[in-house]
Amino acid sequence: MSLVPSLLRAIVTIDGDALVLHVGDKPYVLSSSGQIDLAPRGLTYDAVAGVIAQILPADAQKALQEFGAAQHELTELPEFPDEHFNVVAARGGDDVWVEIRRRRQTSAAPQVESASDPDEDATSRAASAPKPVDFPGVSALWPEVPDNPPVEAPSKSVDEKRTRVIEPERITDREAPRAVDPPQAAVILPLTKNPLRSDSPPPLAGQALSGLDRLLRLAAARGASTLYLSSGTRPSIRVDGEVQALESTPVLGPNDVESLLLTLMPERNAEALRTGSTTEWICDFPDLGRVRCMSFRDHRGPGGVFRIMPTRAVTSQQLGLSREIQELAGEPEGLVLVAGPRSSGKRTLMSALVDLINRTRHAHVVTIEREINVVHERALSFVSQREAHGGADEMLELARGALREDPDVLVLESVRSAELMTLALDAAASGRLVICGFPAHNATGAVDGIIDLFPPDTRRQVQIALAQNLRGVIVQVLLNKSGGGRLAARELLLNTPAVASVIAEGKTSQLPLVIEGGRKHGMVPLNDALAGFVQSGAVDLREAFQRSQDRAGFLATLQRQGIDTSSVERFA
C-alpha cells in the first residue's frame, strides 16, 4: 500500500508547509507554529528509500542516483483537490533526505528569523515548540523494532530494486550532538558538512544555515548552473539563463556569507576574502561534480559565485546534433567554427564534439579552454585539457606549445585575435582538425568577423585560407521554451565549392543565399530552425522573432507555412 496519501494527509491536516524525512531523524512537519514531530523515533534507511521508490518517478530516481539530488512535482491527487506538492530529495552515501513541500496558492512570505539577535535564548524557544503528535498511517514507515533503532546500511536488494543508491559512506558528523535550533522553513539537505576553521567568524546564533555544499546540491536539483551568495539577500540561482531567488532559504548576513565561504575556501584564499580581493578556487563534490568558486566583496559585504560544472560531457545525441554536424567531428583536417552570441551554449556544443571524437576516433586531442568545465576521461582518444586564465596571449602561447606535441585535433575555446586565428588556419592547413569558438550571431557574421580581425592589406590571403581550409560553421542560439526550459536553434554552413568561391572572392554578403540553396547538402538557415520551433508550438513567436537576424525573411518563412505573424509585424 502506498504511503504517499498518508504523508500528504499529515501535511494537510496539520496545515503545514512541508514534511521532512531524514535517515536517523524523526519525521516532522514544518508549520507556522513550528516543527511538529510525527513519531517518537528516527527513520531507517529502508523507510526513506521506500518512500523515494513510491513518490519519485523513474527519471527522478535516476537523477537522484547520478547527481545526488532530484526534484519532482506531484500530480494532483483526488484525495487532495486543489492541493499541490513538490518533492525534493537528496542523498550522500547512506544519508538520504526527502522533503514534500506544499505549494500554497495564496500565502504570506515565510517569516525568517532576524540575524540581528544573536543572543536569543535557544532553550526557551525549544521549550515553546509544538509537542509531537502521533499521526495515523505514518507509523507504517517503521518495522517492528525497538525505539531508536540503529540506522541500517543499504542492502543490495534495496540498491537494485529501489533507487540504486551508491554504496554507503558514513557521514563524519553523524554521531555529533544535534543543536536545538528554532524551526525554519528553509530546505535542509543532509550532506556532509565541512568543519569551520577556527579563524572564521561563527555563524549568527539561532540561525540554522544549511551549509554551502547543501545549497549547491539544492541548486543543482533545480537545474541551476550557478549559485549566487550576497550579503543582505537570499541566495539566488541561475536556471535556463535567468537569475531567481532560491525559495525557502533565509536572508544571509555578512557573517553568514563569510562563514559559508570559509567552510570550502582553501586557507591560501582566506586572506583575500578579508581584504576584499577577488579570489577563485575549485571544489569537487561527490555525486555533484566540480564547482568553480569565486568570492568577492561589494558595498553590502562578502559574496560568492559558484558555477556548477557538469559531471560528464553532454553527448551529441543528447544535444540532437544533426548527422552533418556530427560528420564535421570526423573530418581529418580543416577548420570548424562554433559560433553564437554570449551564453548560447558554445562551450557545451564544443564539448559534445570533443566527446564524439573521444568515442569514435583514435586521436590525440588537445583543448585550450578558459575554464575546464567538463573533464573528458579517456575513451578511444587521448584527450589533454589545458586552462588559459591570462587571456588571448596565454591561449596563444599554450596553443603554440600544444602544436609541438603533434595533436590530431586542436580545440580553441575562444579565438579573438589575428595571431591566434593565423595559428588555427596554419594548423588546419598542415593536416589537423581545428575546432574554434567565435562570437557571432550567424554564419555570415562569423566569417566576416574572422576576416575583420586582420588588417586590410592581409585580408585577401585570409579569405583564400578560409576558402581552402574551412569545413563548416555551426551557429547556435538558445530560446526559452513555451513550457519552461530552453531549446537550441542551429544554423549550419558547409564549405561547398559555391561557399568557397564566395569567401575567396570576398562576397560574404551572398552567403545567406548560398545557405538557402545548400539545403540539399545539409545546410540549415537559422530562420528554418526558428520557424520549425514556432510551427511545432515549442517556442513562442515573439521569442523566435527576437533571435532572428533576418526578421523580414523569418516572417516570410512563417507566412509561407500559413502562420499568423501580425502580432510581431510592426517590429520588423
Protein backbone atom coordinates (compact mmCIF):
# COMPACT_ATOMS: atom_id res chain seq x y z
CA MET A 1 0.00 0.00 0.00
CA SER A 2 1.34 3.44 -0.90
CA LEU A 3 2.39 5.68 1.98
CA VAL A 4 2.15 8.82 -0.10
CA PRO A 5 -1.52 9.68 0.76
CA SER A 6 -0.77 9.26 4.49
CA LEU A 7 2.21 11.59 4.25
CA LEU A 8 0.25 14.22 2.34
CA ARG A 9 -2.65 13.91 4.77
CA ALA A 10 -0.27 14.69 7.64
CA ILE A 11 0.75 17.94 5.95
CA VAL A 12 -2.80 19.00 5.12
CA THR A 13 -4.34 18.04 8.47
CA ILE A 14 -1.70 19.94 10.45
CA ASP A 15 -1.91 22.79 7.90
CA GLY A 16 1.84 22.56 7.44
CA ASP A 17 4.19 23.84 4.80
CA ALA A 18 6.38 20.78 4.35
CA LEU A 19 7.09 17.27 5.65
CA VAL A 20 10.73 16.24 6.13
CA LEU A 21 12.01 12.65 6.16
CA HIS A 22 15.70 12.17 7.02
CA VAL A 23 17.51 8.95 7.82
CA GLY A 24 18.18 8.76 11.56
CA ASP A 25 15.80 11.63 12.42
CA LYS A 26 12.17 11.72 13.44
CA PRO A 27 9.81 12.71 10.61
CA TYR A 28 8.35 16.14 11.17
CA VAL A 29 6.05 18.73 9.62
CA LEU A 30 7.04 22.39 9.35
CA SER A 31 4.12 24.71 10.04
CA SER A 32 3.54 28.30 11.04
CA SER A 33 3.54 27.17 14.68
CA GLY A 34 6.88 25.44 14.37
CA GLN A 35 8.27 21.93 13.88
CA ILE A 36 5.85 19.11 14.74
CA ASP A 37 7.30 15.61 15.16
CA LEU A 38 5.17 12.77 13.81
CA ALA A 39 6.83 9.87 15.65
CA PRO A 40 8.92 9.10 18.72
CA ARG A 41 11.89 7.55 16.87
CA GLY A 42 14.10 8.11 13.87
CA LEU A 43 13.71 6.70 10.38
CA THR A 44 15.73 3.84 8.97
CA TYR A 45 17.39 3.94 5.57
CA ASP A 46 14.88 1.38 4.23
CA ALA A 47 11.95 3.55 5.30
CA VAL A 48 13.19 6.68 3.50
CA ALA A 49 14.34 4.69 0.44
CA GLY A 50 10.89 3.09 0.30
CA VAL A 51 9.20 6.49 0.26
CA ILE A 52 11.53 7.59 -2.57
CA ALA A 53 10.65 4.49 -4.57
CA GLN A 54 6.95 5.29 -4.21
CA ILE A 55 6.95 9.04 -4.60
CA LEU A 56 9.55 9.69 -7.34
CA PRO A 57 9.19 8.56 -10.96
CA ALA A 58 11.97 6.55 -12.59
CA ASP A 59 13.66 9.56 -14.23
CA ALA A 60 13.80 11.47 -10.93
CA GLN A 61 15.21 8.40 -9.15
CA LYS A 62 17.88 8.17 -11.85
CA ALA A 63 18.75 11.85 -11.34
CA LEU A 64 18.99 11.25 -7.59
CA GLN A 65 21.36 8.36 -8.21
CA GLU A 66 23.55 10.23 -10.70
CA PHE A 67 23.60 13.77 -9.28
CA GLY A 68 22.79 13.29 -5.60
CA ALA A 69 19.63 15.43 -5.76
CA ALA A 70 16.29 15.46 -7.59
CA GLN A 71 13.07 17.45 -7.70
CA HIS A 72 9.59 16.34 -8.80
CA GLU A 73 6.13 17.92 -8.87
CA LEU A 74 3.37 15.57 -7.75
CA THR A 75 0.28 15.35 -9.91
CA GLU A 76 -2.93 16.45 -8.23
CA LEU A 77 -4.45 13.58 -6.23
CA PRO A 78 -8.22 13.01 -5.92
CA GLU A 79 -7.90 12.81 -2.12
CA PHE A 80 -6.45 16.33 -2.01
CA PRO A 81 -8.24 18.55 -4.55
CA ASP A 82 -6.70 21.98 -5.12
CA GLU A 83 -3.56 20.92 -3.24
CA HIS A 84 -0.16 20.93 -4.96
CA PHE A 85 3.07 19.38 -3.70
CA ASN A 86 6.72 19.40 -4.76
CA VAL A 87 9.19 16.72 -3.72
CA VAL A 88 12.90 17.44 -3.26
CA ALA A 89 15.26 14.55 -2.43
CA ALA A 90 18.99 14.33 -1.84
CA ARG A 91 21.48 11.72 -0.72
CA GLY A 92 25.10 11.39 0.30
CA GLY A 93 26.13 7.77 0.79
CA ASP A 94 23.60 6.26 3.19
CA ASP A 95 22.35 9.69 4.28
CA VAL A 96 19.04 10.17 2.47
CA TRP A 97 16.59 13.03 2.82
CA VAL A 98 13.17 13.83 1.36
CA GLU A 99 11.07 16.96 1.69
CA ILE A 100 7.46 17.07 0.50
CA ARG A 101 6.71 20.75 0.11
CA ARG A 102 3.16 22.10 -0.02
CA ARG A 103 2.58 24.83 -2.59
CA ARG A 104 0.00 27.20 -1.24
CA GLN A 105 -1.98 29.19 -3.77
CA THR A 106 -2.02 32.34 -1.66
CA SER A 107 0.22 32.66 1.34
CA ALA A 108 2.33 35.25 3.04
CA ALA A 109 6.05 35.10 2.66
CA PRO A 110 7.69 32.83 5.25
CA GLN A 111 8.96 34.63 8.28
CA VAL A 112 12.72 34.50 8.57
CA GLU A 113 14.29 34.89 11.93
CA SER A 114 16.26 38.10 12.10
CA ALA A 115 20.01 37.66 12.07
CA SER A 116 20.40 40.75 14.23
CA ASP A 117 19.53 38.97 17.51
CA PRO A 118 22.37 36.52 18.07
CA ASP A 119 21.85 36.29 21.84
CA GLU A 120 18.32 34.96 21.76
CA ASP A 121 17.99 32.03 24.13
CA ALA A 122 17.64 28.78 22.16
CA THR A 123 16.48 26.83 25.21
CA SER A 124 13.40 28.96 25.73
CA ARG A 125 12.49 28.64 22.07
CA ALA A 126 12.79 24.87 22.23
CA ALA A 127 10.56 24.78 25.31
CA SER A 128 7.78 26.58 23.46
CA ALA A 129 7.99 24.38 20.35
CA PRO A 130 4.91 22.30 19.43
CA LYS A 131 4.65 18.87 21.04
CA PRO A 132 4.99 15.68 18.96
CA VAL A 133 1.83 14.13 17.57
CA ASP A 134 1.14 10.53 16.63
CA PHE A 135 -0.34 10.78 13.16
CA PRO A 136 -2.30 7.73 11.89
CA GLY A 137 -0.76 5.94 8.91
CA VAL A 138 2.73 7.34 9.24
CA SER A 139 3.72 4.52 11.61
CA ALA A 140 3.91 2.26 8.56
CA LEU A 141 7.30 3.78 7.88
CA TRP A 142 8.85 1.59 10.61
CA PRO A 143 9.14 -2.16 11.01
CA GLU A 144 8.52 -3.61 14.44
CA VAL A 145 11.81 -2.63 16.06
CA PRO A 146 12.70 -1.05 19.41
CA ASP A 147 12.80 2.69 19.85
CA ASN A 148 15.88 4.46 18.49
CA PRO A 149 16.95 1.65 16.14
CA PRO A 150 20.35 1.90 14.51
CA VAL A 151 20.44 3.34 11.02
CA GLU A 152 20.59 0.47 8.58
CA ALA A 153 23.08 0.34 5.72
CA PRO A 154 21.59 -0.16 2.26
CA SER A 155 21.41 -3.77 1.16
CA LYS A 156 21.91 -4.94 -2.40
CA SER A 157 18.21 -5.65 -2.74
CA VAL A 158 17.34 -2.07 -1.90
CA ASP A 159 20.13 -0.87 -4.16
CA GLU A 160 18.86 -2.83 -7.15
CA LYS A 161 15.10 -2.77 -6.70
CA ARG A 162 14.54 0.75 -5.49
CA THR A 163 16.79 3.70 -6.07
CA ARG A 164 20.16 2.05 -6.66
CA VAL A 165 21.79 4.27 -4.06
CA ILE A 166 25.57 4.03 -4.16
CA GLU A 167 27.47 2.03 -1.57
CA PRO A 168 27.20 3.69 1.85
CA GLU A 169 29.78 6.08 3.16
CA ARG A 170 29.15 7.08 6.74
CA ILE A 171 28.85 10.78 7.37
CA THR A 172 31.62 12.03 9.60
CA ASP A 173 29.47 14.13 11.88
CA ARG A 174 26.56 11.70 12.21
CA GLU A 175 27.22 10.97 15.88
CA ALA A 176 27.82 14.58 16.84
CA PRO A 177 25.19 16.02 19.22
CA ARG A 178 22.47 17.92 17.40
CA ALA A 179 22.00 21.54 18.44
CA VAL A 180 18.50 22.70 19.29
CA ASP A 181 17.61 25.15 16.53
CA PRO A 182 14.44 27.15 16.01
CA PRO A 183 12.03 25.86 13.39
CA GLN A 184 12.91 27.06 9.91
CA ALA A 185 11.03 26.95 6.65
CA ALA A 186 14.35 26.59 4.87
CA VAL A 187 15.25 23.45 2.97
CA ILE A 188 17.85 21.29 4.71
CA LEU A 189 19.90 18.91 2.58
CA PRO A 190 21.59 16.07 4.53
CA LEU A 191 25.12 16.12 3.20
CA THR A 192 28.46 16.08 4.96
CA LYS A 193 29.34 19.47 6.35
CA ASN A 194 32.97 20.54 6.37
CA PRO A 195 34.01 21.92 9.79
CA LEU A 196 34.54 25.65 10.07
CA ARG A 197 38.10 26.77 10.56
CA SER A 198 38.99 28.20 13.93
CA ASP A 199 39.79 31.61 12.46
CA SER A 200 36.47 32.02 10.67
CA PRO A 201 33.68 34.14 12.18
CA PRO A 202 31.00 31.94 13.77
CA PRO A 203 27.53 31.94 12.21
CA LEU A 204 24.96 34.03 13.99
CA ALA A 205 23.34 32.21 16.86
CA GLY A 206 19.89 30.79 16.28
CA GLN A 207 20.22 30.70 12.50
CA ALA A 208 20.20 27.20 11.03
CA LEU A 209 22.31 27.69 7.95
CA SER A 210 22.35 24.54 5.84
CA GLY A 211 25.93 24.76 4.58
CA LEU A 212 27.33 25.80 1.25
CA ASP A 213 27.55 22.24 -0.02
CA ARG A 214 23.87 21.75 0.69
CA LEU A 215 22.87 24.95 -1.05
CA LEU A 216 24.85 23.82 -4.08
CA ARG A 217 23.07 20.49 -4.19
CA LEU A 218 19.70 22.17 -3.85
CA ALA A 219 20.65 24.49 -6.71
CA ALA A 220 21.71 21.51 -8.84
CA ALA A 221 18.45 19.70 -8.06
CA ARG A 222 16.57 22.67 -9.50
CA GLY A 223 18.60 22.61 -12.70
CA ALA A 224 20.72 25.64 -11.86
CA SER A 225 24.07 26.35 -13.50
CA THR A 226 25.17 28.96 -10.93
CA LEU A 227 24.59 29.76 -7.25
CA TYR A 228 24.95 33.37 -6.05
CA LEU A 229 25.52 34.47 -2.45
CA SER A 230 25.38 38.12 -1.41
CA SER A 231 25.19 39.79 1.98
CA GLY A 232 21.75 41.00 2.97
CA THR A 233 19.78 38.88 0.48
CA ARG A 234 18.61 35.33 -0.07
CA PRO A 235 20.78 33.03 -2.17
CA SER A 236 19.94 33.13 -5.88
CA ILE A 237 20.38 30.66 -8.72
CA ARG A 238 20.56 30.86 -12.49
CA VAL A 239 18.16 28.48 -14.24
CA ASP A 240 17.76 28.47 -18.03
CA GLY A 241 19.73 31.71 -18.22
CA GLU A 242 17.57 33.61 -15.71
CA VAL A 243 18.52 34.55 -12.15
CA GLN A 244 15.92 33.86 -9.46
CA ALA A 245 15.86 33.82 -5.67
CA LEU A 246 16.25 30.41 -4.04
CA GLU A 247 12.96 29.91 -2.25
CA SER A 248 12.70 28.73 1.35
CA THR A 249 16.18 29.94 2.24
CA PRO A 250 16.89 32.67 4.82
CA VAL A 251 18.36 36.08 4.19
CA LEU A 252 22.12 35.86 4.74
CA GLY A 253 24.01 38.47 6.72
CA PRO A 254 27.70 39.30 6.12
CA ASN A 255 28.83 36.90 8.86
CA ASP A 256 26.69 34.12 7.41
CA VAL A 257 28.14 34.53 3.93
CA GLU A 258 31.70 34.68 5.21
CA SER A 259 31.18 31.55 7.32
CA LEU A 260 29.74 29.67 4.35
CA LEU A 261 32.64 30.70 2.14
CA LEU A 262 35.25 29.69 4.71
CA THR A 263 33.81 26.17 5.03
CA LEU A 264 35.04 25.40 1.49
CA MET A 265 37.70 28.02 0.82
CA PRO A 266 41.38 26.93 0.89
CA GLU A 267 43.50 28.62 3.55
CA ARG A 268 45.52 30.47 0.91
CA ASN A 269 42.34 32.23 -0.29
CA ALA A 270 41.02 33.23 3.14
CA GLU A 271 43.18 36.34 3.48
CA ALA A 272 41.93 37.63 0.12
CA LEU A 273 38.36 37.30 1.38
CA ARG A 274 39.10 39.50 4.39
CA THR A 275 40.93 42.14 2.38
CA GLY A 276 38.17 42.30 -0.21
CA SER A 277 40.20 40.91 -3.10
CA THR A 278 38.52 38.63 -5.61
CA THR A 279 39.69 35.05 -5.28
CA GLU A 280 38.91 31.82 -7.12
CA TRP A 281 39.21 28.10 -6.41
CA ILE A 282 37.67 24.76 -7.43
CA CYS A 283 35.94 22.19 -5.21
CA ASP A 284 34.96 18.61 -6.01
CA PHE A 285 31.72 17.26 -4.53
CA PRO A 286 30.84 13.56 -4.51
CA ASP A 287 27.89 12.84 -6.83
CA LEU A 288 27.71 16.52 -7.82
CA GLY A 289 30.96 17.22 -9.64
CA ARG A 290 33.32 20.16 -9.81
CA VAL A 291 32.28 23.67 -8.76
CA ARG A 292 34.23 26.76 -9.74
CA CYS A 293 34.05 29.12 -6.76
CA MET A 294 34.68 32.87 -6.75
CA SER A 295 34.44 35.23 -3.79
CA PHE A 296 34.11 39.00 -3.82
CA ARG A 297 33.25 41.91 -1.56
CA ASP A 298 30.86 44.69 -2.55
CA HIS A 299 29.09 47.52 -0.74
CA ARG A 300 26.91 45.01 1.15
CA GLY A 301 29.73 42.75 2.31
CA PRO A 302 31.21 39.42 1.19
CA GLY A 303 29.63 37.38 -1.58
CA GLY A 304 30.31 34.42 -3.82
CA VAL A 305 29.54 33.00 -7.25
CA PHE A 306 29.57 29.22 -7.71
CA ARG A 307 29.42 27.73 -11.19
CA ILE A 308 28.30 24.10 -11.18
CA MET A 309 30.15 22.13 -13.85
CA PRO A 310 28.53 19.06 -15.43
CA THR A 311 29.84 15.75 -14.16
CA ARG A 312 30.15 14.47 -17.73
CA ALA A 313 30.00 15.82 -21.25
CA VAL A 314 26.63 16.21 -22.90
CA THR A 315 26.62 13.85 -25.87
CA SER A 316 25.85 14.76 -29.46
CA GLN A 317 22.72 12.60 -29.21
CA GLN A 318 21.52 14.48 -26.13
CA LEU A 319 22.03 17.78 -27.93
CA GLY A 320 20.23 16.48 -31.01
CA LEU A 321 23.10 17.30 -33.36
CA SER A 322 22.33 16.55 -36.99
CA ARG A 323 24.26 13.96 -38.99
CA GLU A 324 26.01 16.74 -40.91
CA ILE A 325 27.25 18.40 -37.71
CA GLN A 326 28.46 15.09 -36.30
CA GLU A 327 30.33 14.38 -39.53
CA LEU A 328 32.35 17.58 -39.01
CA ALA A 329 33.87 15.92 -35.92
CA GLY A 330 35.10 13.15 -38.19
CA GLU A 331 36.98 15.43 -40.58
CA PRO A 332 40.70 14.52 -40.65
CA GLU A 333 41.77 18.14 -41.16
CA GLY A 334 40.41 21.63 -41.64
CA LEU A 335 38.74 24.37 -39.60
CA VAL A 336 35.35 24.06 -37.87
CA LEU A 337 33.86 27.21 -36.33
CA VAL A 338 31.37 27.06 -33.46
CA ALA A 339 29.71 30.47 -33.21
CA GLY A 340 26.92 32.13 -31.30
CA PRO A 341 26.16 35.12 -29.09
CA ARG A 342 27.05 35.29 -25.40
CA SER A 343 25.58 32.48 -23.25
CA SER A 344 24.44 30.49 -26.26
CA GLY A 345 25.94 27.16 -25.22
CA LYS A 346 29.01 27.26 -27.48
CA ARG A 347 31.20 25.55 -24.87
CA THR A 348 28.64 22.80 -24.37
CA LEU A 349 28.46 22.21 -28.11
CA MET A 350 32.25 22.12 -28.44
CA SER A 351 32.45 19.72 -25.50
CA ALA A 352 29.95 17.43 -27.25
CA LEU A 353 32.14 17.42 -30.37
CA VAL A 354 35.20 16.51 -28.27
CA ASP A 355 33.19 13.74 -26.62
CA LEU A 356 32.14 12.43 -30.03
CA ILE A 357 35.77 12.41 -31.23
CA ASN A 358 36.82 10.72 -27.99
CA ARG A 359 34.30 7.92 -28.51
CA THR A 360 34.73 7.37 -32.25
CA ARG A 361 38.34 8.20 -33.19
CA HIS A 362 41.82 7.07 -32.14
CA ALA A 363 43.26 10.57 -31.96
CA HIS A 364 45.42 12.89 -29.88
CA VAL A 365 43.19 15.79 -28.82
CA VAL A 366 44.38 18.96 -27.07
CA THR A 367 41.90 21.54 -25.80
CA ILE A 368 42.78 25.10 -24.73
CA GLU A 369 39.96 26.43 -22.54
CA ARG A 370 39.42 29.47 -20.38
CA GLU A 371 37.82 27.18 -17.79
CA ILE A 372 37.77 23.39 -17.81
CA ASN A 373 34.10 22.75 -17.14
CA VAL A 374 33.89 19.13 -18.27
CA VAL A 375 36.72 16.66 -17.78
CA HIS A 376 36.90 14.18 -20.67
CA GLU A 377 38.00 10.77 -19.44
CA ARG A 378 39.99 8.75 -21.95
CA ALA A 379 37.96 6.52 -24.28
CA LEU A 380 39.38 5.81 -27.76
CA SER A 381 41.29 9.08 -27.91
CA PHE A 382 43.97 10.64 -25.73
CA VAL A 383 42.49 13.97 -24.55
CA SER A 384 44.63 16.62 -22.83
CA GLN A 385 42.90 19.74 -21.49
CA ARG A 386 44.67 23.00 -20.55
CA GLU A 387 43.37 26.22 -18.99
CA ALA A 388 44.31 29.71 -20.18
CA HIS A 389 43.45 32.22 -17.46
CA GLY A 390 45.61 35.01 -18.86
CA GLY A 391 43.55 35.84 -21.93
CA ALA A 392 44.48 35.76 -25.61
CA ASP A 393 48.26 35.91 -25.06
CA GLU A 394 48.30 32.89 -22.77
CA MET A 395 45.96 30.98 -25.06
CA LEU A 396 48.26 31.70 -28.00
CA GLU A 397 51.31 30.51 -26.05
CA LEU A 398 49.54 27.33 -24.92
CA ALA A 399 48.35 26.64 -28.47
CA ARG A 400 51.90 27.02 -29.83
CA GLY A 401 53.14 24.58 -27.22
CA ALA A 402 50.33 22.15 -27.98
CA LEU A 403 51.20 22.07 -31.69
CA ARG A 404 54.71 20.93 -30.80
CA GLU A 405 53.08 17.84 -29.28
CA ASP A 406 51.74 16.83 -32.71
CA PRO A 407 47.98 16.65 -31.92
CA ASP A 408 45.45 15.36 -34.43
CA VAL A 409 42.74 17.69 -33.10
CA LEU A 410 43.23 21.15 -31.56
CA VAL A 411 40.29 22.81 -29.79
CA LEU A 412 40.45 26.54 -29.06
CA GLU A 413 37.55 27.67 -26.92
CA SER A 414 37.70 31.31 -27.97
CA VAL A 415 39.58 32.94 -30.85
CA ARG A 416 39.59 36.74 -30.75
CA SER A 417 42.95 37.77 -32.15
CA ALA A 418 44.57 37.72 -35.58
CA GLU A 419 47.59 35.85 -34.19
CA LEU A 420 45.52 33.02 -32.77
CA MET A 421 43.40 32.76 -35.92
CA THR A 422 46.56 32.63 -38.04
CA LEU A 423 47.80 29.75 -35.88
CA ALA A 424 44.44 27.97 -36.29
CA LEU A 425 44.46 28.36 -40.08
CA ASP A 426 48.09 27.19 -40.31
CA ALA A 427 47.32 24.15 -38.13
CA ALA A 428 44.29 23.30 -40.27
CA ALA A 429 46.39 23.64 -43.44
CA SER A 430 49.06 21.33 -42.00
CA GLY A 431 46.66 18.40 -41.66
CA ARG A 432 44.98 18.88 -38.28
CA LEU A 433 41.34 19.32 -37.36
CA VAL A 434 40.94 22.63 -35.53
CA ILE A 435 37.70 23.48 -33.71
CA CYS A 436 37.37 27.15 -32.73
CA GLY A 437 34.82 29.12 -30.78
CA PHE A 438 33.93 32.56 -32.09
CA PRO A 439 31.34 35.16 -31.01
CA ALA A 440 28.85 35.81 -33.84
CA HIS A 441 25.08 35.76 -34.38
CA ASN A 442 25.10 33.92 -37.72
CA ALA A 443 27.43 32.16 -40.13
CA THR A 444 27.97 35.26 -42.27
CA GLY A 445 28.86 37.28 -39.19
CA ALA A 446 31.36 34.59 -38.13
CA VAL A 447 33.18 34.60 -41.47
CA ASP A 448 33.16 38.41 -41.64
CA GLY A 449 34.33 38.66 -38.04
CA ILE A 450 37.34 36.43 -38.68
CA ILE A 451 38.34 38.39 -41.77
CA ASP A 452 37.95 41.68 -39.87
CA LEU A 453 40.48 40.52 -37.26
CA PHE A 454 43.21 41.18 -39.82
CA PRO A 455 44.47 44.47 -41.28
CA PRO A 456 43.11 45.33 -44.74
CA ASP A 457 46.34 44.53 -46.57
CA THR A 458 46.28 40.87 -45.44
CA ARG A 459 42.57 40.12 -45.72
CA ARG A 460 42.84 38.73 -49.23
CA GLN A 461 45.20 36.00 -48.02
CA VAL A 462 42.88 35.25 -45.11
CA GLN A 463 39.89 34.90 -47.46
CA ILE A 464 41.80 32.39 -49.59
CA ALA A 465 42.96 30.46 -46.49
CA LEU A 466 39.40 30.29 -45.18
CA ALA A 467 38.08 29.17 -48.55
CA GLN A 468 40.63 26.35 -48.66
CA ASN A 469 40.55 25.16 -45.04
CA LEU A 470 37.09 25.90 -43.67
CA ARG A 471 34.95 22.78 -43.25
CA GLY A 472 31.86 24.25 -41.63
CA VAL A 473 30.33 26.90 -39.39
CA ILE A 474 27.86 25.89 -36.68
CA VAL A 475 25.90 28.78 -35.15
CA GLN A 476 23.80 28.15 -32.07
CA VAL A 477 21.27 30.34 -30.25
CA LEU A 478 19.22 29.39 -27.20
CA LEU A 479 15.49 30.06 -26.94
CA ASN A 480 13.10 29.85 -24.00
CA LYS A 481 10.59 27.05 -24.46
CA SER A 482 6.90 27.79 -24.09
CA GLY A 483 6.60 25.30 -21.22
CA GLY A 484 9.88 26.15 -19.49
CA GLY A 485 13.45 25.22 -20.25
CA ARG A 486 15.45 26.10 -23.35
CA LEU A 487 15.97 24.84 -26.88
CA ALA A 488 18.92 25.30 -29.24
CA ALA A 489 18.35 26.55 -32.79
CA ARG A 490 21.32 25.99 -35.11
CA GLU A 491 22.43 27.38 -38.44
CA LEU A 492 24.84 25.23 -40.45
CA LEU A 493 27.15 26.39 -43.23
CA LEU A 494 29.19 23.73 -45.07
CA ASN A 495 32.12 24.65 -47.29
CA THR A 496 30.85 23.52 -50.67
CA PRO A 497 32.57 24.80 -53.85
CA ALA A 498 29.94 27.56 -54.05
CA VAL A 499 30.68 28.67 -50.46
CA ALA A 500 34.46 28.55 -51.04
CA SER A 501 34.10 30.69 -54.15
CA VAL A 502 32.04 33.33 -52.33
CA ILE A 503 34.52 33.51 -49.42
CA ALA A 504 37.60 33.63 -51.67
CA GLU A 505 36.13 36.49 -53.69
CA GLY A 506 35.15 38.42 -50.55
CA LYS A 507 31.44 38.35 -51.43
CA THR A 508 30.32 37.20 -48.00
CA SER A 509 27.05 39.13 -48.29
CA GLN A 510 25.94 36.33 -50.63
CA LEU A 511 26.43 33.61 -48.02
CA PRO A 512 22.78 33.67 -46.80
CA LEU A 513 21.63 32.93 -50.36
CA VAL A 514 24.20 30.16 -50.70
CA ILE A 515 22.98 28.61 -47.43
CA GLU A 516 19.39 28.81 -48.70
CA GLY A 517 20.41 26.97 -51.85
CA GLY A 518 22.52 24.46 -49.93
CA ARG A 519 19.69 22.68 -48.11
CA LYS A 520 20.23 19.62 -50.34
CA HIS A 521 23.78 19.38 -48.91
CA GLY A 522 22.51 19.56 -45.30
CA MET A 523 22.90 23.29 -44.77
CA VAL A 524 20.32 24.89 -42.48
CA PRO A 525 19.44 28.61 -42.39
CA LEU A 526 18.78 29.85 -38.86
CA ASN A 527 15.31 31.03 -39.89
CA ASP A 528 14.39 27.46 -40.83
CA ALA A 529 15.26 26.22 -37.35
CA LEU A 530 13.40 29.10 -35.66
CA ALA A 531 10.31 28.66 -37.84
CA GLY A 532 10.25 24.94 -37.10
CA PHE A 533 10.08 25.58 -33.36
CA VAL A 534 7.27 28.12 -33.80
CA GLN A 535 5.30 25.80 -36.06
CA SER A 536 5.55 22.95 -33.53
CA GLY A 537 4.48 25.22 -30.66
CA ALA A 538 7.72 24.61 -28.76
CA VAL A 539 8.72 28.29 -28.87
CA ASP A 540 6.62 31.45 -28.77
CA LEU A 541 6.57 33.56 -31.93
CA ARG A 542 7.93 36.63 -30.15
CA GLU A 543 10.85 34.67 -28.67
CA ALA A 544 11.89 33.28 -32.05
CA PHE A 545 11.39 36.66 -33.73
CA GLN A 546 13.81 38.31 -31.29
CA ARG A 547 16.50 35.70 -32.02
CA SER A 548 16.31 36.01 -35.79
CA GLN A 549 18.96 38.08 -37.57
CA ASP A 550 16.84 38.32 -40.73
CA ARG A 551 13.44 39.20 -39.34
CA ALA A 552 11.78 40.02 -42.65
CA GLY A 553 12.92 36.67 -44.04
CA PHE A 554 11.78 34.92 -40.87
CA LEU A 555 8.26 36.37 -41.14
CA ALA A 556 8.13 35.43 -44.82
CA THR A 557 9.07 31.85 -43.94
CA LEU A 558 6.28 31.65 -41.35
CA GLN A 559 3.73 33.20 -43.69
CA ARG A 560 4.52 30.59 -46.35
CA GLN A 561 3.66 28.00 -43.73
CA GLY A 562 0.34 29.68 -43.01
CA ILE A 563 1.28 31.04 -39.54
CA ASP A 564 -0.23 34.36 -38.42
CA THR A 565 2.60 36.86 -37.81
CA SER A 566 0.53 40.00 -37.28
CA SER A 567 1.48 40.26 -33.59
CA VAL A 568 5.15 40.98 -34.44
CA GLU A 569 4.99 42.50 -37.92
CA ARG A 570 5.11 46.05 -36.57
CA PHE A 571 8.56 45.32 -35.09
CA ALA A 572 10.06 44.03 -38.34
